[in-house]
Amino acid sequence: MKKYVVYLMAAIIISGIAYTSYSAYQTKQDQQQMKAKQQAEGGLETGMKAPDLEIEQDGRMIHLSDLTDQLIVINFWATWCPPCQQEIPELNAFAKSTSIPVYGINVTTAERRLSDVKQFLKKTPITYSVLYDTKGQSEKTYQLVAMPATYIIDQTGTIVGKHVGPVTQEMLKEMVRKIGG
């Protein structure tokens, strides 16, 4: 009977060690996959503090941090970018169907001229706020490797959602739903 108890205890200890080792291995694998995903997509990731930007709104300079007193969506775009143009109706629809502010941040330094952006906006109806990164901060600060790039930022200024490439209204709604917004 004593041998049975000793073998049982040994089996329990070995199982515990195996489980702990596997759990540590799995955690390390998950971290490596996340790092690979970050490198592939580029840019900042969810859970990070959203860097502040000095951007132009209605002819005056403001700080992005001044807008984050509530959940917001920011979308980096350029007029010459076909996927950016493709998603504009989707962003319009999302902005119209929710109370979450959408800010389209035009990466103005990637444009030929600011007047090109103004001409584009005359032809293309955008119902959400358009801001201008005339100082060229967003590409470096947000580590943009592709446009469009969309971020959801919460009231604490933390990135809680991210998508590189064109978004749809449904994608944005699902992202917001997942974060409890």
N, C-alpha and C. Protein backbone atom coordinates (compact mmCIF):
# COMPACT_ATOMS: atom_id res chain seq x y z
N MET A 1 0.82 -1.19 0.00
CA MET A 1 0.00 0.00 0.00
C MET A 1 0.87 1.26 0.00
N LYS A 2 2.00 1.22 0.77
CA LYS A 2 2.89 2.37 0.81
C LYS A 2 3.50 2.62 -0.56
N LYS A 3 3.85 1.54 -1.28
CA LYS A 3 4.43 1.69 -2.61
C LYS A 3 3.43 2.38 -3.54
N TYR A 4 2.19 2.00 -3.42
CA TYR A 4 1.14 2.58 -4.24
C TYR A 4 1.03 4.09 -4.01
N VAL A 5 1.07 4.51 -2.78
CA VAL A 5 0.99 5.93 -2.43
C VAL A 5 2.22 6.66 -2.96
N VAL A 6 3.41 6.07 -2.84
CA VAL A 6 4.64 6.68 -3.33
C VAL A 6 4.57 6.84 -4.85
N TYR A 7 4.11 5.78 -5.56
CA TYR A 7 3.99 5.86 -7.01
C TYR A 7 2.95 6.91 -7.43
N LEU A 8 1.86 6.97 -6.69
CA LEU A 8 0.82 7.95 -6.97
C LEU A 8 1.35 9.37 -6.77
N MET A 9 2.06 9.60 -5.70
CA MET A 9 2.65 10.92 -5.44
C MET A 9 3.67 11.28 -6.53
N ALA A 10 4.49 10.33 -6.92
CA ALA A 10 5.48 10.56 -7.97
C ALA A 10 4.79 10.92 -9.28
N ALA A 11 3.71 10.21 -9.60
CA ALA A 11 2.96 10.48 -10.82
C ALA A 11 2.36 11.89 -10.79
N ILE A 12 1.84 12.27 -9.64
CA ILE A 12 1.25 13.61 -9.50
C ILE A 12 2.33 14.68 -9.67
N ILE A 13 3.46 14.49 -9.06
CA ILE A 13 4.57 15.45 -9.15
C ILE A 13 5.07 15.55 -10.59
N ILE A 14 5.26 14.42 -11.24
CA ILE A 14 5.73 14.42 -12.63
C ILE A 14 4.70 15.09 -13.54
N SER A 15 3.42 14.83 -13.31
CA SER A 15 2.36 15.46 -14.11
C SER A 15 2.38 16.97 -13.91
N GLY A 16 2.57 17.42 -12.68
CA GLY A 16 2.63 18.85 -12.39
C GLY A 16 3.80 19.51 -13.08
N ILE A 17 4.95 18.86 -13.05
CA ILE A 17 6.14 19.40 -13.71
C ILE A 17 5.92 19.47 -15.22
N ALA A 18 5.35 18.42 -15.77
CA ALA A 18 5.09 18.38 -17.22
C ALA A 18 4.11 19.48 -17.61
N TYR A 19 3.05 19.65 -16.83
CA TYR A 19 2.05 20.68 -17.13
C TYR A 19 2.68 22.07 -17.05
N THR A 20 3.46 22.33 -16.02
CA THR A 20 4.11 23.63 -15.85
C THR A 20 5.07 23.91 -17.01
N SER A 21 5.84 22.89 -17.39
CA SER A 21 6.78 23.05 -18.50
C SER A 21 6.05 23.33 -19.80
N TYR A 22 4.98 22.60 -20.07
CA TYR A 22 4.21 22.80 -21.29
C TYR A 22 3.57 24.19 -21.29
N SER A 23 3.05 24.62 -20.16
CA SER A 23 2.42 25.93 -20.05
C SER A 23 3.43 27.04 -20.34
N ALA A 24 4.63 26.92 -19.80
CA ALA A 24 5.69 27.91 -20.05
C ALA A 24 6.08 27.90 -21.53
N TYR A 25 6.17 26.71 -22.11
CA TYR A 25 6.50 26.58 -23.53
C TYR A 25 5.43 27.25 -24.39
N GLN A 26 4.17 26.98 -24.07
CA GLN A 26 3.06 27.55 -24.83
C GLN A 26 3.04 29.08 -24.72
N THR A 27 3.30 29.61 -23.55
CA THR A 27 3.35 31.06 -23.35
C THR A 27 4.45 31.67 -24.21
N LYS A 28 5.61 31.03 -24.24
CA LYS A 28 6.72 31.52 -25.05
C LYS A 28 6.36 31.47 -26.54
N GLN A 29 5.69 30.41 -26.97
CA GLN A 29 5.26 30.30 -28.37
C GLN A 29 4.28 31.41 -28.73
N ASP A 30 3.34 31.68 -27.83
CA ASP A 30 2.36 32.74 -28.06
C ASP A 30 3.04 34.09 -28.19
N GLN A 31 4.03 34.34 -27.33
CA GLN A 31 4.76 35.61 -27.38
C GLN A 31 5.53 35.74 -28.70
N GLN A 32 6.13 34.64 -29.15
CA GLN A 32 6.87 34.67 -30.41
C GLN A 32 5.93 34.91 -31.60
N GLN A 33 4.74 34.31 -31.56
CA GLN A 33 3.78 34.52 -32.63
C GLN A 33 3.30 35.97 -32.65
N MET A 34 3.07 36.54 -31.47
CA MET A 34 2.65 37.94 -31.39
C MET A 34 3.74 38.86 -31.94
N LYS A 35 4.98 38.58 -31.59
CA LYS A 35 6.09 39.40 -32.07
C LYS A 35 6.21 39.29 -33.60
N ALA A 36 6.04 38.08 -34.13
CA ALA A 36 6.10 37.89 -35.58
C ALA A 36 4.96 38.64 -36.26
N LYS A 37 3.79 38.62 -35.67
CA LYS A 37 2.64 39.34 -36.23
C LYS A 37 2.91 40.84 -36.23
N GLN A 38 3.47 41.36 -35.13
CA GLN A 38 3.79 42.78 -35.05
C GLN A 38 4.78 43.17 -36.14
N GLN A 39 5.79 42.32 -36.35
CA GLN A 39 6.79 42.64 -37.36
C GLN A 39 6.19 42.58 -38.76
N ALA A 40 5.29 41.63 -38.98
CA ALA A 40 4.66 41.50 -40.29
C ALA A 40 3.73 42.67 -40.58
N GLU A 41 2.93 43.07 -39.60
CA GLU A 41 1.97 44.15 -39.79
C GLU A 41 2.60 45.51 -39.62
N GLY A 42 3.60 45.59 -38.79
CA GLY A 42 4.21 46.88 -38.50
C GLY A 42 3.32 47.70 -37.60
N GLY A 43 3.85 48.80 -37.13
CA GLY A 43 3.05 49.70 -36.33
C GLY A 43 2.93 49.30 -34.88
N LEU A 44 2.22 50.12 -34.17
CA LEU A 44 2.00 49.90 -32.75
C LEU A 44 0.93 48.85 -32.56
N GLU A 45 0.88 48.27 -31.38
CA GLU A 45 -0.06 47.19 -31.11
C GLU A 45 -1.03 47.56 -30.00
N THR A 46 -2.10 46.78 -29.89
CA THR A 46 -3.07 46.99 -28.83
C THR A 46 -2.39 46.84 -27.48
N GLY A 47 -2.87 47.61 -26.53
CA GLY A 47 -2.29 47.61 -25.20
C GLY A 47 -1.23 48.68 -25.01
N MET A 48 -0.74 49.23 -26.11
CA MET A 48 0.27 50.28 -26.03
C MET A 48 -0.42 51.65 -25.88
N LYS A 49 0.29 52.57 -25.28
CA LYS A 49 -0.18 53.95 -25.17
C LYS A 49 -0.13 54.58 -26.57
N ALA A 50 -1.21 55.22 -26.97
CA ALA A 50 -1.26 55.88 -28.27
C ALA A 50 -0.38 57.13 -28.23
N PRO A 51 0.61 57.22 -29.09
CA PRO A 51 1.45 58.41 -29.09
C PRO A 51 0.64 59.65 -29.47
N ASP A 52 1.01 60.76 -28.90
CA ASP A 52 0.33 62.01 -29.21
C ASP A 52 0.86 62.53 -30.54
N LEU A 53 0.03 63.21 -31.25
CA LEU A 53 0.40 63.86 -32.51
C LEU A 53 -0.10 65.30 -32.47
N GLU A 54 0.66 66.19 -33.07
CA GLU A 54 0.17 67.55 -33.28
C GLU A 54 -0.34 67.58 -34.71
N ILE A 55 -1.66 67.76 -34.84
CA ILE A 55 -2.30 67.68 -36.14
C ILE A 55 -3.17 68.91 -36.37
N GLU A 56 -3.45 69.14 -37.64
CA GLU A 56 -4.24 70.32 -37.99
C GLU A 56 -5.71 69.95 -38.12
N GLN A 57 -6.55 70.75 -37.49
CA GLN A 57 -8.00 70.59 -37.59
C GLN A 57 -8.61 71.97 -37.82
N ASP A 58 -9.31 72.13 -38.91
CA ASP A 58 -9.97 73.40 -39.23
C ASP A 58 -9.00 74.58 -39.17
N GLY A 59 -7.80 74.40 -39.69
CA GLY A 59 -6.83 75.48 -39.76
C GLY A 59 -6.06 75.77 -38.49
N ARG A 60 -6.29 75.00 -37.44
CA ARG A 60 -5.52 75.22 -36.20
C ARG A 60 -4.89 73.91 -35.75
N MET A 61 -3.80 74.04 -35.03
CA MET A 61 -3.09 72.86 -34.56
C MET A 61 -3.70 72.38 -33.24
N ILE A 62 -3.95 71.08 -33.16
CA ILE A 62 -4.46 70.46 -31.94
C ILE A 62 -3.61 69.22 -31.64
N HIS A 63 -3.83 68.65 -30.48
CA HIS A 63 -3.14 67.42 -30.10
C HIS A 63 -4.14 66.26 -30.13
N LEU A 64 -3.71 65.15 -30.67
CA LEU A 64 -4.56 63.96 -30.71
C LEU A 64 -5.04 63.61 -29.30
N SER A 65 -4.19 63.80 -28.31
CA SER A 65 -4.55 63.48 -26.93
C SER A 65 -5.75 64.30 -26.44
N ASP A 66 -6.00 65.46 -27.05
CA ASP A 66 -7.15 66.27 -26.67
C ASP A 66 -8.47 65.63 -27.09
N LEU A 67 -8.40 64.65 -28.00
CA LEU A 67 -9.62 64.02 -28.54
C LEU A 67 -9.97 62.72 -27.83
N THR A 68 -9.09 62.24 -26.97
CA THR A 68 -9.28 60.90 -26.39
C THR A 68 -9.98 60.93 -25.03
N ASP A 69 -10.93 61.83 -24.86
CA ASP A 69 -11.71 61.81 -23.62
C ASP A 69 -12.84 60.79 -23.72
N GLN A 70 -12.90 60.11 -24.86
CA GLN A 70 -13.87 59.04 -25.09
C GLN A 70 -13.25 58.06 -26.09
N LEU A 71 -13.90 56.96 -26.32
CA LEU A 71 -13.45 55.99 -27.30
C LEU A 71 -13.49 56.65 -28.68
N ILE A 72 -12.38 56.55 -29.44
CA ILE A 72 -12.33 57.14 -30.78
C ILE A 72 -11.72 56.15 -31.76
N VAL A 73 -11.99 56.40 -33.04
CA VAL A 73 -11.36 55.66 -34.13
C VAL A 73 -10.51 56.65 -34.90
N ILE A 74 -9.24 56.29 -35.12
CA ILE A 74 -8.40 57.11 -36.00
C ILE A 74 -7.99 56.24 -37.18
N ASN A 75 -7.96 56.87 -38.34
CA ASN A 75 -7.66 56.17 -39.58
C ASN A 75 -6.63 56.98 -40.35
N PHE A 76 -5.46 56.40 -40.56
CA PHE A 76 -4.41 57.07 -41.33
C PHE A 76 -4.63 56.75 -42.81
N TRP A 77 -4.63 57.78 -43.64
CA TRP A 77 -4.95 57.59 -45.05
C TRP A 77 -4.24 58.61 -45.92
N ALA A 78 -4.30 58.37 -47.24
CA ALA A 78 -3.77 59.32 -48.23
C ALA A 78 -4.69 59.26 -49.46
N THR A 79 -4.74 60.34 -50.20
CA THR A 79 -5.64 60.41 -51.35
C THR A 79 -5.23 59.47 -52.48
N TRP A 80 -3.94 59.20 -52.62
CA TRP A 80 -3.43 58.38 -53.72
C TRP A 80 -3.56 56.88 -53.44
N CYS A 81 -4.06 56.52 -52.27
CA CYS A 81 -4.12 55.13 -51.80
C CYS A 81 -5.48 54.51 -52.16
N PRO A 82 -5.55 53.58 -53.16
CA PRO A 82 -6.83 52.98 -53.53
C PRO A 82 -7.57 52.29 -52.37
N PRO A 83 -6.89 51.51 -51.51
CA PRO A 83 -7.64 50.92 -50.38
C PRO A 83 -8.20 51.98 -49.43
N CYS A 84 -7.50 53.12 -49.31
CA CYS A 84 -8.00 54.21 -48.47
C CYS A 84 -9.29 54.76 -49.07
N GLN A 85 -9.30 54.95 -50.37
CA GLN A 85 -10.49 55.44 -51.04
C GLN A 85 -11.64 54.43 -50.92
N GLN A 86 -11.31 53.15 -51.01
CA GLN A 86 -12.30 52.09 -50.94
C GLN A 86 -13.03 52.08 -49.60
N GLU A 87 -12.33 52.40 -48.53
CA GLU A 87 -12.95 52.29 -47.21
C GLU A 87 -13.70 53.54 -46.76
N ILE A 88 -13.59 54.63 -47.47
CA ILE A 88 -14.25 55.86 -47.05
C ILE A 88 -15.75 55.68 -46.85
N PRO A 89 -16.49 55.04 -47.77
CA PRO A 89 -17.93 54.84 -47.52
C PRO A 89 -18.19 54.00 -46.26
N GLU A 90 -17.31 53.05 -45.98
CA GLU A 90 -17.47 52.22 -44.78
C GLU A 90 -17.25 53.04 -43.51
N LEU A 91 -16.23 53.89 -43.53
CA LEU A 91 -15.99 54.76 -42.37
C LEU A 91 -17.13 55.76 -42.20
N ASN A 92 -17.65 56.28 -43.33
CA ASN A 92 -18.81 57.17 -43.27
C ASN A 92 -19.99 56.46 -42.60
N ALA A 93 -20.25 55.22 -43.03
CA ALA A 93 -21.39 54.46 -42.49
C ALA A 93 -21.20 54.18 -41.00
N PHE A 94 -19.98 53.82 -40.60
CA PHE A 94 -19.70 53.55 -39.19
C PHE A 94 -19.92 54.83 -38.37
N ALA A 95 -19.38 55.94 -38.85
CA ALA A 95 -19.51 57.21 -38.12
C ALA A 95 -20.98 57.60 -37.98
N LYS A 96 -21.76 57.35 -39.02
CA LYS A 96 -23.18 57.71 -39.00
C LYS A 96 -23.98 56.79 -38.07
N SER A 97 -23.59 55.52 -37.96
CA SER A 97 -24.39 54.55 -37.22
C SER A 97 -23.99 54.41 -35.75
N THR A 98 -22.93 55.08 -35.32
CA THR A 98 -22.51 54.98 -33.92
C THR A 98 -22.25 56.38 -33.37
N SER A 99 -22.07 56.44 -32.08
CA SER A 99 -21.72 57.73 -31.46
C SER A 99 -20.21 57.84 -31.25
N ILE A 100 -19.46 56.91 -31.81
CA ILE A 100 -18.00 56.92 -31.66
C ILE A 100 -17.39 57.84 -32.71
N PRO A 101 -16.66 58.86 -32.28
CA PRO A 101 -16.04 59.78 -33.26
C PRO A 101 -14.98 59.07 -34.11
N VAL A 102 -15.01 59.38 -35.40
CA VAL A 102 -14.02 58.87 -36.34
C VAL A 102 -13.21 60.06 -36.83
N TYR A 103 -11.88 59.89 -36.80
CA TYR A 103 -10.98 60.93 -37.28
C TYR A 103 -10.10 60.34 -38.38
N GLY A 104 -10.25 60.86 -39.57
CA GLY A 104 -9.38 60.46 -40.67
C GLY A 104 -8.16 61.35 -40.67
N ILE A 105 -7.02 60.78 -40.35
CA ILE A 105 -5.79 61.59 -40.30
C ILE A 105 -5.07 61.42 -41.63
N ASN A 106 -5.12 62.46 -42.44
CA ASN A 106 -4.44 62.44 -43.73
C ASN A 106 -2.95 62.60 -43.48
N VAL A 107 -2.18 61.65 -44.00
CA VAL A 107 -0.72 61.72 -43.87
C VAL A 107 -0.27 62.70 -44.96
N THR A 108 -0.41 63.96 -44.65
CA THR A 108 -0.27 65.04 -45.62
C THR A 108 1.12 65.10 -46.23
N THR A 109 2.13 64.74 -45.48
CA THR A 109 3.48 64.78 -46.03
C THR A 109 3.70 63.69 -47.08
N ALA A 110 2.79 62.72 -47.17
CA ALA A 110 2.87 61.70 -48.21
C ALA A 110 2.13 62.14 -49.48
N GLU A 111 1.48 63.28 -49.42
CA GLU A 111 0.76 63.84 -50.57
C GLU A 111 1.68 64.78 -51.35
N ARG A 112 1.32 65.04 -52.59
CA ARG A 112 2.11 66.02 -53.35
C ARG A 112 1.94 67.42 -52.78
N ARG A 113 0.66 67.80 -52.59
CA ARG A 113 0.35 69.13 -52.07
C ARG A 113 -0.91 69.03 -51.21
N LEU A 114 -1.01 69.91 -50.24
CA LEU A 114 -2.21 69.98 -49.42
C LEU A 114 -3.42 70.33 -50.28
N SER A 115 -3.21 71.13 -51.31
CA SER A 115 -4.32 71.50 -52.19
C SER A 115 -4.90 70.27 -52.90
N ASP A 116 -4.08 69.24 -53.14
CA ASP A 116 -4.58 67.99 -53.74
C ASP A 116 -5.58 67.31 -52.80
N VAL A 117 -5.30 67.38 -51.52
CA VAL A 117 -6.20 66.77 -50.53
C VAL A 117 -7.51 67.55 -50.52
N LYS A 118 -7.43 68.87 -50.54
CA LYS A 118 -8.63 69.71 -50.54
C LYS A 118 -9.49 69.43 -51.78
N GLN A 119 -8.86 69.27 -52.94
CA GLN A 119 -9.59 68.95 -54.17
C GLN A 119 -10.24 67.57 -54.06
N PHE A 120 -9.54 66.61 -53.51
CA PHE A 120 -10.07 65.26 -53.31
C PHE A 120 -11.31 65.31 -52.44
N LEU A 121 -11.25 66.08 -51.36
CA LEU A 121 -12.37 66.16 -50.43
C LEU A 121 -13.60 66.85 -51.04
N LYS A 122 -13.39 67.72 -52.03
CA LYS A 122 -14.53 68.34 -52.72
C LYS A 122 -15.29 67.31 -53.55
N LYS A 123 -14.57 66.31 -54.06
CA LYS A 123 -15.17 65.29 -54.92
C LYS A 123 -15.66 64.08 -54.14
N THR A 124 -15.09 63.85 -52.97
CA THR A 124 -15.38 62.64 -52.21
C THR A 124 -16.02 63.02 -50.88
N PRO A 125 -17.27 62.68 -50.69
CA PRO A 125 -17.93 63.05 -49.42
C PRO A 125 -17.40 62.23 -48.24
N ILE A 126 -16.87 62.94 -47.26
CA ILE A 126 -16.42 62.32 -46.02
C ILE A 126 -17.19 63.00 -44.90
N THR A 127 -17.94 62.19 -44.14
CA THR A 127 -18.80 62.75 -43.10
C THR A 127 -18.15 62.78 -41.73
N TYR A 128 -17.00 62.16 -41.58
CA TYR A 128 -16.27 62.19 -40.31
C TYR A 128 -15.20 63.27 -40.38
N SER A 129 -14.60 63.58 -39.26
CA SER A 129 -13.60 64.66 -39.20
C SER A 129 -12.32 64.26 -39.93
N VAL A 130 -11.82 65.17 -40.74
CA VAL A 130 -10.55 64.96 -41.43
C VAL A 130 -9.52 65.87 -40.77
N LEU A 131 -8.43 65.27 -40.34
CA LEU A 131 -7.32 66.00 -39.72
C LEU A 131 -6.11 65.85 -40.63
N TYR A 132 -5.15 66.75 -40.48
CA TYR A 132 -3.98 66.74 -41.36
C TYR A 132 -2.70 66.63 -40.55
N ASP A 133 -1.90 65.63 -40.90
CA ASP A 133 -0.58 65.51 -40.31
C ASP A 133 0.39 66.24 -41.23
N THR A 134 0.44 67.55 -41.08
CA THR A 134 1.29 68.38 -41.94
C THR A 134 2.75 68.36 -41.51
N LYS A 135 3.01 67.83 -40.31
CA LYS A 135 4.38 67.77 -39.80
C LYS A 135 5.05 66.42 -40.09
N GLY A 136 4.30 65.46 -40.61
CA GLY A 136 4.87 64.16 -40.95
C GLY A 136 5.24 63.31 -39.75
N GLN A 137 4.50 63.44 -38.68
CA GLN A 137 4.81 62.69 -37.46
C GLN A 137 4.24 61.27 -37.45
N SER A 138 3.10 61.09 -38.08
CA SER A 138 2.36 59.84 -37.91
C SER A 138 3.09 58.62 -38.44
N GLU A 139 3.76 58.75 -39.58
CA GLU A 139 4.44 57.59 -40.15
C GLU A 139 5.51 57.04 -39.20
N LYS A 140 6.27 57.93 -38.61
CA LYS A 140 7.32 57.49 -37.68
C LYS A 140 6.74 57.13 -36.32
N THR A 141 5.90 57.98 -35.78
CA THR A 141 5.38 57.80 -34.43
C THR A 141 4.51 56.55 -34.32
N TYR A 142 3.67 56.31 -35.34
CA TYR A 142 2.81 55.12 -35.33
C TYR A 142 3.42 53.97 -36.11
N GLN A 143 4.64 54.16 -36.59
CA GLN A 143 5.39 53.12 -37.30
C GLN A 143 4.57 52.54 -38.44
N LEU A 144 3.98 53.43 -39.22
CA LEU A 144 3.12 52.99 -40.32
C LEU A 144 3.95 52.38 -41.43
N VAL A 145 3.60 51.17 -41.81
CA VAL A 145 4.27 50.51 -42.92
C VAL A 145 3.33 50.39 -44.12
N ALA A 146 2.05 50.64 -43.89
CA ALA A 146 1.06 50.58 -44.96
C ALA A 146 -0.12 51.45 -44.57
N MET A 147 -0.83 51.90 -45.59
CA MET A 147 -2.07 52.64 -45.38
C MET A 147 -3.14 51.96 -46.19
N PRO A 148 -4.34 52.01 -45.71
CA PRO A 148 -4.79 52.65 -44.49
C PRO A 148 -4.42 51.83 -43.25
N ALA A 149 -4.38 52.51 -42.13
CA ALA A 149 -4.17 51.86 -40.84
C ALA A 149 -5.15 52.50 -39.87
N THR A 150 -5.91 51.65 -39.19
CA THR A 150 -6.97 52.13 -38.31
C THR A 150 -6.70 51.68 -36.88
N TYR A 151 -6.85 52.61 -35.95
CA TYR A 151 -6.66 52.33 -34.53
C TYR A 151 -7.89 52.76 -33.75
N ILE A 152 -8.23 51.99 -32.74
CA ILE A 152 -9.27 52.40 -31.80
C ILE A 152 -8.54 52.73 -30.50
N ILE A 153 -8.81 53.92 -29.98
CA ILE A 153 -8.13 54.40 -28.78
C ILE A 153 -9.19 54.66 -27.71
N ASP A 154 -8.92 54.18 -26.50
CA ASP A 154 -9.92 54.35 -25.43
C ASP A 154 -9.68 55.65 -24.66
N GLN A 155 -10.49 55.85 -23.61
CA GLN A 155 -10.46 57.10 -22.84
C GLN A 155 -9.15 57.31 -22.10
N THR A 156 -8.39 56.26 -21.88
CA THR A 156 -7.10 56.40 -21.19
C THR A 156 -5.96 56.67 -22.17
N GLY A 157 -6.29 56.72 -23.47
CA GLY A 157 -5.26 56.94 -24.48
C GLY A 157 -4.54 55.67 -24.87
N THR A 158 -5.15 54.53 -24.59
CA THR A 158 -4.55 53.23 -24.90
C THR A 158 -5.13 52.69 -26.20
N ILE A 159 -4.28 52.10 -27.03
CA ILE A 159 -4.74 51.47 -28.26
C ILE A 159 -5.45 50.17 -27.87
N VAL A 160 -6.72 50.07 -28.22
CA VAL A 160 -7.50 48.88 -27.86
C VAL A 160 -7.94 48.10 -29.09
N GLY A 161 -7.65 48.62 -30.27
CA GLY A 161 -7.97 47.92 -31.51
C GLY A 161 -7.09 48.44 -32.63
N LYS A 162 -6.79 47.55 -33.59
CA LYS A 162 -5.93 47.93 -34.70
C LYS A 162 -6.26 47.08 -35.92
N HIS A 163 -6.21 47.71 -37.09
CA HIS A 163 -6.34 46.97 -38.34
C HIS A 163 -5.53 47.68 -39.41
N VAL A 164 -4.67 46.94 -40.09
CA VAL A 164 -3.91 47.47 -41.21
C VAL A 164 -4.60 46.99 -42.48
N GLY A 165 -4.90 47.94 -43.37
CA GLY A 165 -5.66 47.63 -44.58
C GLY A 165 -7.04 48.23 -44.46
N PRO A 166 -7.84 48.12 -45.53
CA PRO A 166 -9.16 48.72 -45.50
C PRO A 166 -10.08 48.03 -44.49
N VAL A 167 -10.90 48.83 -43.83
CA VAL A 167 -11.87 48.30 -42.87
C VAL A 167 -13.27 48.44 -43.44
N THR A 168 -14.17 47.67 -42.85
CA THR A 168 -15.58 47.81 -43.18
C THR A 168 -16.31 48.27 -41.92
N GLN A 169 -17.51 48.75 -42.12
CA GLN A 169 -18.33 49.15 -40.98
C GLN A 169 -18.51 47.98 -40.02
N GLU A 170 -18.76 46.80 -40.56
CA GLU A 170 -18.97 45.62 -39.72
C GLU A 170 -17.71 45.24 -38.94
N MET A 171 -16.55 45.34 -39.59
CA MET A 171 -15.29 45.05 -38.89
C MET A 171 -15.12 45.99 -37.70
N LEU A 172 -15.36 47.26 -37.92
CA LEU A 172 -15.21 48.25 -36.85
C LEU A 172 -16.20 47.97 -35.71
N LYS A 173 -17.43 47.67 -36.07
CA LYS A 173 -18.42 47.38 -35.04
C LYS A 173 -18.02 46.14 -34.23
N GLU A 174 -17.48 45.14 -34.91
CA GLU A 174 -17.04 43.92 -34.21
C GLU A 174 -15.85 44.22 -33.30
N MET A 175 -14.91 45.04 -33.76
CA MET A 175 -13.78 45.42 -32.92
C MET A 175 -14.25 46.15 -31.67
N VAL A 176 -15.19 47.07 -31.84
CA VAL A 176 -15.72 47.84 -30.72
C VAL A 176 -16.48 46.91 -29.77
N ARG A 177 -17.25 45.98 -30.33
CA ARG A 177 -18.01 45.05 -29.50
C ARG A 177 -17.06 44.19 -28.65
N LYS A 178 -15.97 43.74 -29.24
CA LYS A 178 -15.01 42.89 -28.53
C LYS A 178 -14.36 43.62 -27.35
N ILE A 179 -14.19 44.92 -27.48
CA ILE A 179 -13.55 45.66 -26.38
C ILE A 179 -14.58 46.20 -25.40
N GLY A 180 -15.84 45.90 -25.68
CA GLY A 180 -16.89 46.31 -24.75
C GLY A 180 -17.38 47.73 -24.92
N GLY A 181 -17.15 48.28 -26.12
CA GLY A 181 -17.56 49.67 -26.38
C GLY A 181 -18.94 49.76 -26.97
